[in-house]
Amino acid sequence: MHRAAAFALLALALGACTTDIRPEVLQDEGVTPEAAAEGRAWLDKMVAAHGGADAFRAHRDAEVVFTDTWPAWLTRTAAMPWDENGQTIRMAASTTGDDARLTFVGGDDDGHAWGLQSWMTYTVEPDGAVEFDEDDDLRFWVPTMAYFFAMPWRIGEADVVAYAGTQDIDGRPHAVVYATWGQAEPQDDIDQYVLYIDAETHLLSHAAYTVRELVLASHSAVRYTDVREVGGLKVPHTLIMVEEFGSDAVLHRMEIESVRFTGGALADTLKPDPSRAGSK
């Protein structure tokens, strides 16, 4: 059984309803014009603090080397997509779209790669041979890993945004901002995000999110730490995914070893067959 499918079955045990992670004030009052304006202002501050969406897109693509570790046996067995815990991955990712490729470094899968081009999935053999084939695991994991990295810049693309108050985290005040697309209420195929923005630095500290593509009842959160400047951007280098916001139960941990913005040098890597295109 594919690991993504196994994780979906595990999450289904939690319930079949569509999860709604909107902060309580937004569930009670909806998105008022005032909340929308203040939320957008905070979101803009956050994106700017990380270097700005325009600067991120101007880099065109990025090469990110990271390790991904799953500490708990249950989630590792049910959901870890890699064959080896602590797998090192060299990720090529577009900064202007969703194209990405994950190349395994070391271990039994050394040199193999998973890719997504225009929402079509493919694999790459160590000798460079590319094979396009629809695969739900790849369709989920490749853009997901890329979006975790890109969230501080790309979440500003959300068209439904609302301020939901402040919350102290580790003794520091944070603005709470809700973000999604289309409508504020939960939707079967569009994720919701709750962002926790440091009120002093304006950096993204935590983000709660739904995982609609796996199961409607699934949600978790990521903590961003170890921010370093790369290419004029403030890039978090440690990403800790937990069961839900405020939980100490770690699902997996991405430790970024290096980030290199290449200015379009990865175009051929990201589009091995430009004639192919699918839909999200």
C-alpha atoms as a PDB file:
ATOM      1  CA  MET A   1       0.000   0.000   0.000  1.00  0.00           C
ATOM      2  CA  HIS A   2       1.290   3.471  -0.851  1.00  0.00           C
ATOM      3  CA  ARG A   3       2.315   5.332   2.300  1.00  0.00           C
ATOM      4  CA  ALA A   4       0.111   8.332   1.458  1.00  0.00           C
ATOM      5  CA  ALA A   5      -2.877   5.998   1.193  1.00  0.00           C
ATOM      6  CA  ALA A   6      -1.971   4.313   4.469  1.00  0.00           C
ATOM      7  CA  PHE A   7      -1.759   7.694   6.175  1.00  0.00           C
ATOM      8  CA  ALA A   8      -5.140   8.624   4.740  1.00  0.00           C
ATOM      9  CA  LEU A   9      -6.699   5.509   6.229  1.00  0.00           C
ATOM     10  CA  LEU A  10      -5.081   6.277   9.569  1.00  0.00           C
ATOM     11  CA  ALA A  11      -6.412   9.827   9.509  1.00  0.00           C
ATOM     12  CA  LEU A  12      -9.873   8.660   8.502  1.00  0.00           C
ATOM     13  CA  ALA A  13     -10.112   6.979  11.877  1.00  0.00           C
ATOM     14  CA  LEU A  14     -10.139  10.488  13.343  1.00  0.00           C
ATOM     15  CA  GLY A  15     -13.351  11.391  11.542  1.00  0.00           C
ATOM     16  CA  ALA A  16     -14.785  11.950   8.118  1.00  0.00           C
ATOM     17  CA  CYS A  17     -15.936  15.555   8.380  1.00  0.00           C
ATOM     18  CA  THR A  18     -14.140  18.429   6.680  1.00  0.00           C
ATOM     19  CA  THR A  19     -11.734  19.912   9.211  1.00  0.00           C
ATOM     20  CA  ASP A  20     -12.121  23.627   9.859  1.00  0.00           C
ATOM     21  CA  ILE A  21      -9.086  25.324  11.423  1.00  0.00           C
ATOM     22  CA  ARG A  22     -10.428  28.861  11.269  1.00  0.00           C
ATOM     23  CA  PRO A  23      -9.784  30.658  14.561  1.00  0.00           C
ATOM     24  CA  GLU A  24     -12.918  30.783  16.702  1.00  0.00           C
ATOM     25  CA  VAL A  25     -13.449  34.522  16.211  1.00  0.00           C
ATOM     26  CA  LEU A  26     -13.665  34.003  12.448  1.00  0.00           C
ATOM     27  CA  GLN A  27     -16.050  31.092  12.791  1.00  0.00           C
ATOM     28  CA  ASP A  28     -18.299  33.240  14.986  1.00  0.00           C
ATOM     29  CA  GLU A  29     -18.073  36.568  13.163  1.00  0.00           C
ATOM     30  CA  GLY A  30     -16.882  35.698   9.663  1.00  0.00           C
ATOM     31  CA  VAL A  31     -14.306  37.735   7.772  1.00  0.00           C
ATOM     32  CA  THR A  32     -15.178  41.391   8.314  1.00  0.00           C
ATOM     33  CA  PRO A  33     -13.654  44.084   6.095  1.00  0.00           C
ATOM     34  CA  GLU A  34     -11.604  45.243   9.082  1.00  0.00           C
ATOM     35  CA  ALA A  35     -10.249  41.736   9.778  1.00  0.00           C
ATOM     36  CA  ALA A  36      -9.435  41.279   6.091  1.00  0.00           C
ATOM     37  CA  ALA A  37      -7.553  44.578   5.878  1.00  0.00           C
ATOM     38  CA  GLU A  38      -5.564  43.989   9.059  1.00  0.00           C
ATOM     39  CA  GLY A  39      -4.821  40.386   8.087  1.00  0.00           C
ATOM     40  CA  ARG A  40      -3.508  41.484   4.698  1.00  0.00           C
ATOM     41  CA  ALA A  41      -1.351  44.142   6.349  1.00  0.00           C
ATOM     42  CA  TRP A  42       0.238  41.550   8.654  1.00  0.00           C
ATOM     43  CA  LEU A  43       0.703  39.088   5.819  1.00  0.00           C
ATOM     44  CA  ASP A  44       2.410  41.729   3.703  1.00  0.00           C
ATOM     45  CA  LYS A  45       4.715  42.585   6.629  1.00  0.00           C
ATOM     46  CA  MET A  46       5.642  38.931   7.023  1.00  0.00           C
ATOM     47  CA  VAL A  47       6.436  38.379   3.346  1.00  0.00           C
ATOM     48  CA  ALA A  48       8.483  41.591   3.284  1.00  0.00           C
ATOM     49  CA  ALA A  49      10.397  40.566   6.424  1.00  0.00           C
ATOM     50  CA  HIS A  50      11.465  37.380   4.640  1.00  0.00           C
ATOM     51  CA  GLY A  51      12.776  39.420   1.714  1.00  0.00           C
ATOM     52  CA  GLY A  52       9.671  39.864  -0.420  1.00  0.00           C
ATOM     53  CA  ALA A  53       7.726  37.756  -2.900  1.00  0.00           C
ATOM     54  CA  ASP A  54       9.112  39.621  -5.909  1.00  0.00           C
ATOM     55  CA  ALA A  55      12.695  38.927  -4.808  1.00  0.00           C
ATOM     56  CA  PHE A  56      11.847  35.258  -4.240  1.00  0.00           C
ATOM     57  CA  ARG A  57      10.304  34.895  -7.696  1.00  0.00           C
ATOM     58  CA  ALA A  58      13.188  36.790  -9.307  1.00  0.00           C
ATOM     59  CA  HIS A  59      15.535  33.963  -8.301  1.00  0.00           C
ATOM     60  CA  ARG A  60      13.489  31.715 -10.660  1.00  0.00           C
ATOM     61  CA  ASP A  61      14.560  28.470  -9.009  1.00  0.00           C
ATOM     62  CA  ALA A  62      16.365  27.077  -5.993  1.00  0.00           C
ATOM     63  CA  GLU A  63      18.426  24.041  -5.042  1.00  0.00           C
ATOM     64  CA  VAL A  64      17.797  22.984  -1.455  1.00  0.00           C
ATOM     65  CA  VAL A  65      19.635  20.115   0.241  1.00  0.00           C
ATOM     66  CA  PHE A  66      17.932  18.783   3.370  1.00  0.00           C
ATOM     67  CA  THR A  67      17.472  15.718   5.542  1.00  0.00           C
ATOM     68  CA  ASP A  68      14.023  14.542   6.595  1.00  0.00           C
ATOM     69  CA  THR A  69      13.711  12.624   9.859  1.00  0.00           C
ATOM     70  CA  TRP A  70      10.597  10.907  11.291  1.00  0.00           C
ATOM     71  CA  PRO A  71      11.147  10.175  15.016  1.00  0.00           C
ATOM     72  CA  ALA A  72       7.945   8.262  15.880  1.00  0.00           C
ATOM     73  CA  TRP A  73       7.531   4.632  14.768  1.00  0.00           C
ATOM     74  CA  LEU A  74       3.798   4.912  14.036  1.00  0.00           C
ATOM     75  CA  THR A  75       3.920   7.949  11.756  1.00  0.00           C
ATOM     76  CA  ARG A  76       7.180   6.756  10.216  1.00  0.00           C
ATOM     77  CA  THR A  77       5.593   3.415   9.342  1.00  0.00           C
ATOM     78  CA  ALA A  78       2.273   4.838   8.155  1.00  0.00           C
ATOM     79  CA  ALA A  79       3.294   8.038   6.427  1.00  0.00           C
ATOM     80  CA  MET A  80       7.026   8.457   5.760  1.00  0.00           C
ATOM     81  CA  PRO A  81       7.384   8.511   1.971  1.00  0.00           C
ATOM     82  CA  TRP A  82      11.104   7.669   1.879  1.00  0.00           C
ATOM     83  CA  ASP A  83      12.578   4.203   2.241  1.00  0.00           C
ATOM     84  CA  GLU A  84      15.132   5.440   4.778  1.00  0.00           C
ATOM     85  CA  ASN A  85      14.591   7.592   7.844  1.00  0.00           C
ATOM     86  CA  GLY A  86      16.823  10.636   7.780  1.00  0.00           C
ATOM     87  CA  GLN A  87      17.029  10.546   3.984  1.00  0.00           C
ATOM     88  CA  THR A  88      19.088  13.328   2.412  1.00  0.00           C
ATOM     89  CA  ILE A  89      17.329  14.957  -0.520  1.00  0.00           C
ATOM     90  CA  ARG A  90      18.487  17.486  -3.093  1.00  0.00           C
ATOM     91  CA  MET A  91      15.411  19.454  -4.105  1.00  0.00           C
ATOM     92  CA  ALA A  92      15.175  21.574  -7.228  1.00  0.00           C
ATOM     93  CA  ALA A  93      12.179  23.905  -6.976  1.00  0.00           C
ATOM     94  CA  SER A  94      10.713  26.682  -9.059  1.00  0.00           C
ATOM     95  CA  THR A  95      10.191  29.965  -7.195  1.00  0.00           C
ATOM     96  CA  THR A  96       7.488  31.015  -9.658  1.00  0.00           C
ATOM     97  CA  GLY A  97       5.306  27.889  -9.713  1.00  0.00           C
ATOM     98  CA  ASP A  98       4.895  24.343  -8.451  1.00  0.00           C
ATOM     99  CA  ASP A  99       7.457  22.429 -10.524  1.00  0.00           C
ATOM    100  CA  ALA A 100       9.936  20.557  -8.338  1.00  0.00           C
ATOM    101  CA  ARG A 101      12.212  17.521  -8.277  1.00  0.00           C
ATOM    102  CA  LEU A 102      13.439  15.518  -5.270  1.00  0.00           C
ATOM    103  CA  THR A 103      16.685  13.607  -5.872  1.00  0.00           C
ATOM    104  CA  PHE A 104      17.719  11.073  -3.233  1.00  0.00           C
ATOM    105  CA  VAL A 105      21.282  11.395  -1.975  1.00  0.00           C
ATOM    106  CA  GLY A 106      22.766   8.315  -0.304  1.00  0.00           C
ATOM    107  CA  GLY A 107      21.037   5.122   0.761  1.00  0.00           C
ATOM    108  CA  ASP A 108      19.533   2.441  -1.463  1.00  0.00           C
ATOM    109  CA  ASP A 109      17.725   5.049  -3.608  1.00  0.00           C
ATOM    110  CA  ASP A 110      20.816   7.170  -4.273  1.00  0.00           C
ATOM    111  CA  GLY A 111      20.484   8.969  -7.594  1.00  0.00           C
ATOM    112  CA  HIS A 112      16.787   8.224  -8.079  1.00  0.00           C
ATOM    113  CA  ALA A 113      14.401  11.184  -8.247  1.00  0.00           C
ATOM    114  CA  TRP A 114      10.717  12.082  -8.057  1.00  0.00           C
ATOM    115  CA  GLY A 115       9.452  15.016 -10.055  1.00  0.00           C
ATOM    116  CA  LEU A 116       6.439  17.179 -10.801  1.00  0.00           C
ATOM    117  CA  GLN A 117       6.192  19.135 -14.073  1.00  0.00           C
ATOM    118  CA  SER A 118       3.041  21.142 -14.752  1.00  0.00           C
ATOM    119  CA  TRP A 119       1.207  18.784 -12.356  1.00  0.00           C
ATOM    120  CA  MET A 120       2.427  15.680 -14.174  1.00  0.00           C
ATOM    121  CA  THR A 121       4.515  13.240 -12.127  1.00  0.00           C
ATOM    122  CA  TYR A 122       7.635  11.460 -13.254  1.00  0.00           C
ATOM    123  CA  THR A 123      10.581   9.455 -11.939  1.00  0.00           C
ATOM    124  CA  VAL A 124      14.245   9.657 -12.863  1.00  0.00           C
ATOM    125  CA  GLU A 125      16.711   6.767 -12.830  1.00  0.00           C
ATOM    126  CA  PRO A 126      20.331   7.291 -11.729  1.00  0.00           C
ATOM    127  CA  ASP A 127      21.370   7.172 -15.408  1.00  0.00           C
ATOM    128  CA  GLY A 128      19.080  10.144 -16.115  1.00  0.00           C
ATOM    129  CA  ALA A 129      16.240   8.236 -17.804  1.00  0.00           C
ATOM    130  CA  VAL A 130      12.911  10.016 -17.199  1.00  0.00           C
ATOM    131  CA  GLU A 131       9.578   8.193 -17.093  1.00  0.00           C
ATOM    132  CA  PHE A 132       6.279  10.071 -16.795  1.00  0.00           C
ATOM    133  CA  ASP A 133       3.584   8.137 -14.940  1.00  0.00           C
ATOM    134  CA  GLU A 134       0.710   9.310 -12.753  1.00  0.00           C
ATOM    135  CA  ASP A 135       1.507   8.610  -9.107  1.00  0.00           C
ATOM    136  CA  ASP A 136      -0.541   9.962  -6.188  1.00  0.00           C
ATOM    137  CA  ASP A 137       2.366   9.742  -3.735  1.00  0.00           C
ATOM    138  CA  LEU A 138       4.597  11.862  -5.951  1.00  0.00           C
ATOM    139  CA  ARG A 139       1.771  14.259  -6.750  1.00  0.00           C
ATOM    140  CA  PHE A 140       1.349  14.912  -3.030  1.00  0.00           C
ATOM    141  CA  TRP A 141       4.883  14.801  -1.646  1.00  0.00           C
ATOM    142  CA  VAL A 142       6.890  16.638  -4.304  1.00  0.00           C
ATOM    143  CA  PRO A 143       4.915  19.924  -4.236  1.00  0.00           C
ATOM    144  CA  THR A 144       4.318  19.604  -0.491  1.00  0.00           C
ATOM    145  CA  MET A 145       8.032  19.548   0.361  1.00  0.00           C
ATOM    146  CA  ALA A 146       8.619  22.445  -2.007  1.00  0.00           C
ATOM    147  CA  TYR A 147       5.754  24.463  -0.500  1.00  0.00           C
ATOM    148  CA  PHE A 148       7.012  23.964   3.059  1.00  0.00           C
ATOM    149  CA  PHE A 149      10.226  25.674   1.947  1.00  0.00           C
ATOM    150  CA  ALA A 150       8.462  28.402  -0.066  1.00  0.00           C
ATOM    151  CA  MET A 151       5.589  29.197   2.322  1.00  0.00           C
ATOM    152  CA  PRO A 152       7.059  32.416   3.823  1.00  0.00           C
ATOM    153  CA  TRP A 153       6.902  33.980   0.335  1.00  0.00           C
ATOM    154  CA  ARG A 154       4.119  32.104  -1.476  1.00  0.00           C
ATOM    155  CA  ILE A 155       1.401  32.161   1.212  1.00  0.00           C
ATOM    156  CA  GLY A 156       0.930  35.822   0.291  1.00  0.00           C
ATOM    157  CA  GLU A 157      -0.859  34.533  -2.838  1.00  0.00           C
ATOM    158  CA  ALA A 158      -3.897  33.611  -0.682  1.00  0.00           C
ATOM    159  CA  ASP A 159      -6.955  35.641  -1.671  1.00  0.00           C
ATOM    160  CA  VAL A 160      -8.904  35.167   1.579  1.00  0.00           C
ATOM    161  CA  VAL A 161      -6.988  36.635   4.517  1.00  0.00           C
ATOM    162  CA  ALA A 162      -8.166  37.697   7.969  1.00  0.00           C
ATOM    163  CA  TYR A 163      -6.627  38.872  11.231  1.00  0.00           C
ATOM    164  CA  ALA A 164      -7.683  36.809  14.249  1.00  0.00           C
ATOM    165  CA  GLY A 165      -5.987  38.524  17.178  1.00  0.00           C
ATOM    166  CA  THR A 166      -2.701  37.934  18.979  1.00  0.00           C
ATOM    167  CA  GLN A 167      -1.214  35.012  20.847  1.00  0.00           C
ATOM    168  CA  ASP A 168       1.899  34.643  22.977  1.00  0.00           C
ATOM    169  CA  ILE A 169       4.264  31.871  21.895  1.00  0.00           C
ATOM    170  CA  ASP A 170       7.301  31.214  24.089  1.00  0.00           C
ATOM    171  CA  GLY A 171       6.796  34.607  25.706  1.00  0.00           C
ATOM    172  CA  ARG A 172       6.680  36.524  22.410  1.00  0.00           C
ATOM    173  CA  PRO A 173       3.532  38.159  20.963  1.00  0.00           C
ATOM    174  CA  HIS A 174       2.385  36.862  17.588  1.00  0.00           C
ATOM    175  CA  ALA A 175      -0.248  38.086  15.174  1.00  0.00           C
ATOM    176  CA  VAL A 176      -2.646  35.321  14.149  1.00  0.00           C
ATOM    177  CA  VAL A 177      -3.610  35.472  10.470  1.00  0.00           C
ATOM    178  CA  TYR A 178      -5.919  33.118   8.608  1.00  0.00           C
ATOM    179  CA  ALA A 179      -5.283  32.447   4.904  1.00  0.00           C
ATOM    180  CA  THR A 180      -6.967  30.377   2.211  1.00  0.00           C
ATOM    181  CA  TRP A 181      -8.446  30.673  -1.293  1.00  0.00           C
ATOM    182  CA  GLY A 182     -11.950  31.137  -2.661  1.00  0.00           C
ATOM    183  CA  GLN A 183     -13.964  31.363   0.556  1.00  0.00           C
ATOM    184  CA  ALA A 184     -13.226  31.432   4.276  1.00  0.00           C
ATOM    185  CA  GLU A 185     -15.317  28.364   5.060  1.00  0.00           C
ATOM    186  CA  PRO A 186     -13.738  24.902   4.672  1.00  0.00           C
ATOM    187  CA  GLN A 187     -13.719  23.359   1.218  1.00  0.00           C
ATOM    188  CA  ASP A 188     -13.109  19.774   0.229  1.00  0.00           C
ATOM    189  CA  ASP A 189     -10.182  20.518  -2.081  1.00  0.00           C
ATOM    190  CA  ILE A 190      -8.581  23.745  -0.815  1.00  0.00           C
ATOM    191  CA  ASP A 191      -6.365  23.952   2.254  1.00  0.00           C
ATOM    192  CA  GLN A 192      -6.649  26.400   5.119  1.00  0.00           C
ATOM    193  CA  TYR A 193      -3.695  28.003   6.916  1.00  0.00           C
ATOM    194  CA  VAL A 194      -3.358  29.806  10.240  1.00  0.00           C
ATOM    195  CA  LEU A 195      -0.140  31.804  10.390  1.00  0.00           C
ATOM    196  CA  TYR A 196       1.608  32.955  13.556  1.00  0.00           C
ATOM    197  CA  ILE A 197       3.723  36.001  12.783  1.00  0.00           C
ATOM    198  CA  ASP A 198       6.235  37.321  15.300  1.00  0.00           C
ATOM    199  CA  ALA A 199       4.964  40.790  16.197  1.00  0.00           C
ATOM    200  CA  GLU A 200       8.501  42.186  16.581  1.00  0.00           C
ATOM    201  CA  THR A 201      10.483  40.577  13.762  1.00  0.00           C
ATOM    202  CA  HIS A 202       7.465  39.999  11.470  1.00  0.00           C
ATOM    203  CA  LEU A 203       8.940  36.594  10.579  1.00  0.00           C
ATOM    204  CA  LEU A 204       6.753  33.517  10.182  1.00  0.00           C
ATOM    205  CA  SER A 205       7.100  31.472  13.349  1.00  0.00           C
ATOM    206  CA  HIS A 206       4.460  28.736  13.003  1.00  0.00           C
ATOM    207  CA  ALA A 207       1.774  27.725  10.527  1.00  0.00           C
ATOM    208  CA  ALA A 208      -1.152  25.378  11.115  1.00  0.00           C
ATOM    209  CA  TYR A 209      -2.590  23.834   7.959  1.00  0.00           C
ATOM    210  CA  THR A 210      -5.026  21.268   6.635  1.00  0.00           C
ATOM    211  CA  VAL A 211      -4.035  18.379   4.364  1.00  0.00           C
ATOM    212  CA  ARG A 212      -7.066  18.005   2.115  1.00  0.00           C
ATOM    213  CA  GLU A 213      -5.310  15.924  -0.518  1.00  0.00           C
ATOM    214  CA  LEU A 214      -4.828  13.079   1.945  1.00  0.00           C
ATOM    215  CA  VAL A 215      -8.066  13.232   3.911  1.00  0.00           C
ATOM    216  CA  LEU A 216     -10.608  15.864   4.863  1.00  0.00           C
ATOM    217  CA  ALA A 217     -10.052  15.340   8.588  1.00  0.00           C
ATOM    218  CA  SER A 218      -6.282  15.781   8.510  1.00  0.00           C
ATOM    219  CA  HIS A 219      -4.384  18.794   9.809  1.00  0.00           C
ATOM    220  CA  SER A 220      -1.018  19.560  11.390  1.00  0.00           C
ATOM    221  CA  ALA A 221       1.435  22.428  11.878  1.00  0.00           C
ATOM    222  CA  VAL A 222       4.987  23.480  11.112  1.00  0.00           C
ATOM    223  CA  ARG A 223       7.431  25.509  13.169  1.00  0.00           C
ATOM    224  CA  TYR A 224      10.035  27.626  11.337  1.00  0.00           C
ATOM    225  CA  THR A 225      13.379  28.259  13.075  1.00  0.00           C
ATOM    226  CA  ASP A 226      17.081  28.906  12.395  1.00  0.00           C
ATOM    227  CA  VAL A 227      16.507  31.758   9.952  1.00  0.00           C
ATOM    228  CA  ARG A 228      19.541  32.658   7.831  1.00  0.00           C
ATOM    229  CA  GLU A 229      20.037  35.146   5.010  1.00  0.00           C
ATOM    230  CA  VAL A 230      20.516  33.609   1.570  1.00  0.00           C
ATOM    231  CA  GLY A 231      20.349  35.573  -1.659  1.00  0.00           C
ATOM    232  CA  GLY A 232      18.800  38.565   0.076  1.00  0.00           C
ATOM    233  CA  LEU A 233      16.052  36.431   1.639  1.00  0.00           C
ATOM    234  CA  LYS A 234      15.573  35.287   5.230  1.00  0.00           C
ATOM    235  CA  VAL A 235      15.308  31.517   4.893  1.00  0.00           C
ATOM    236  CA  PRO A 236      14.292  29.194   7.771  1.00  0.00           C
ATOM    237  CA  HIS A 237      16.669  26.213   7.897  1.00  0.00           C
ATOM    238  CA  THR A 238      14.819  24.020  10.414  1.00  0.00           C
ATOM    239  CA  LEU A 239      11.192  23.049   9.783  1.00  0.00           C
ATOM    240  CA  ILE A 240       9.477  20.946  12.449  1.00  0.00           C
ATOM    241  CA  MET A 241       6.123  19.387  11.563  1.00  0.00           C
ATOM    242  CA  VAL A 242       3.942  18.482  14.550  1.00  0.00           C
ATOM    243  CA  GLU A 243       0.536  16.831  14.916  1.00  0.00           C
ATOM    244  CA  GLU A 244      -1.186  20.160  15.519  1.00  0.00           C
ATOM    245  CA  PHE A 245      -0.310  23.672  16.595  1.00  0.00           C
ATOM    246  CA  GLY A 246       0.964  23.674  20.176  1.00  0.00           C
ATOM    247  CA  SER A 247       1.724  19.948  20.169  1.00  0.00           C
ATOM    248  CA  ASP A 248       5.123  18.465  21.066  1.00  0.00           C
ATOM    249  CA  ALA A 249       4.410  15.355  18.977  1.00  0.00           C
ATOM    250  CA  VAL A 250       6.835  15.670  16.060  1.00  0.00           C
ATOM    251  CA  LEU A 251       5.751  14.079  12.787  1.00  0.00           C
ATOM    252  CA  HIS A 252       8.940  14.850  10.902  1.00  0.00           C
ATOM    253  CA  ARG A 253      11.775  17.348  10.870  1.00  0.00           C
ATOM    254  CA  MET A 254      13.428  18.957   7.846  1.00  0.00           C
ATOM    255  CA  GLU A 255      16.981  20.164   8.451  1.00  0.00           C
ATOM    256  CA  ILE A 256      18.182  22.264   5.534  1.00  0.00           C
ATOM    257  CA  GLU A 257      21.894  21.893   4.893  1.00  0.00           C
ATOM    258  CA  SER A 258      22.212  24.368   2.032  1.00  0.00           C
ATOM    259  CA  VAL A 259      20.169  26.702  -0.166  1.00  0.00           C
ATOM    260  CA  ARG A 260      21.362  27.948  -3.529  1.00  0.00           C
ATOM    261  CA  PHE A 261      19.318  30.221  -5.776  1.00  0.00           C
ATOM    262  CA  THR A 262      20.344  29.557  -9.371  1.00  0.00           C
ATOM    263  CA  GLY A 263      18.633  32.211 -11.490  1.00  0.00           C
ATOM    264  CA  GLY A 264      17.041  29.764 -13.907  1.00  0.00           C
ATOM    265  CA  ALA A 265      19.922  27.292 -14.218  1.00  0.00           C
ATOM    266  CA  LEU A 266      17.580  24.449 -13.191  1.00  0.00           C
ATOM    267  CA  ALA A 267      15.077  25.030 -16.016  1.00  0.00           C
ATOM    268  CA  ASP A 268      15.923  21.784 -17.816  1.00  0.00           C
ATOM    269  CA  THR A 269      15.846  19.838 -14.546  1.00  0.00           C
ATOM    270  CA  LEU A 270      12.406  21.179 -13.670  1.00  0.00           C
ATOM    271  CA  LYS A 271      10.939  20.623 -17.144  1.00  0.00           C
ATOM    272  CA  PRO A 272      12.474  17.447 -18.556  1.00  0.00           C
ATOM    273  CA  ASP A 273       9.746  17.349 -21.238  1.00  0.00           C
ATOM    274  CA  PRO A 274       8.263  20.833 -21.795  1.00  0.00           C
ATOM    275  CA  SER A 275       5.673  19.415 -24.194  1.00  0.00           C
ATOM    276  CA  ARG A 276       3.832  17.729 -21.319  1.00  0.00           C
ATOM    277  CA  ALA A 277       1.330  19.576 -19.122  1.00  0.00           C
ATOM    278  CA  GLY A 278      -1.439  18.533 -16.776  1.00  0.00           C
ATOM    279  CA  SER A 279      -3.743  20.320 -14.356  1.00  0.00           C
ATOM    280  CA  LYS A 280      -3.796  20.691 -10.597  1.00  0.00           C
END
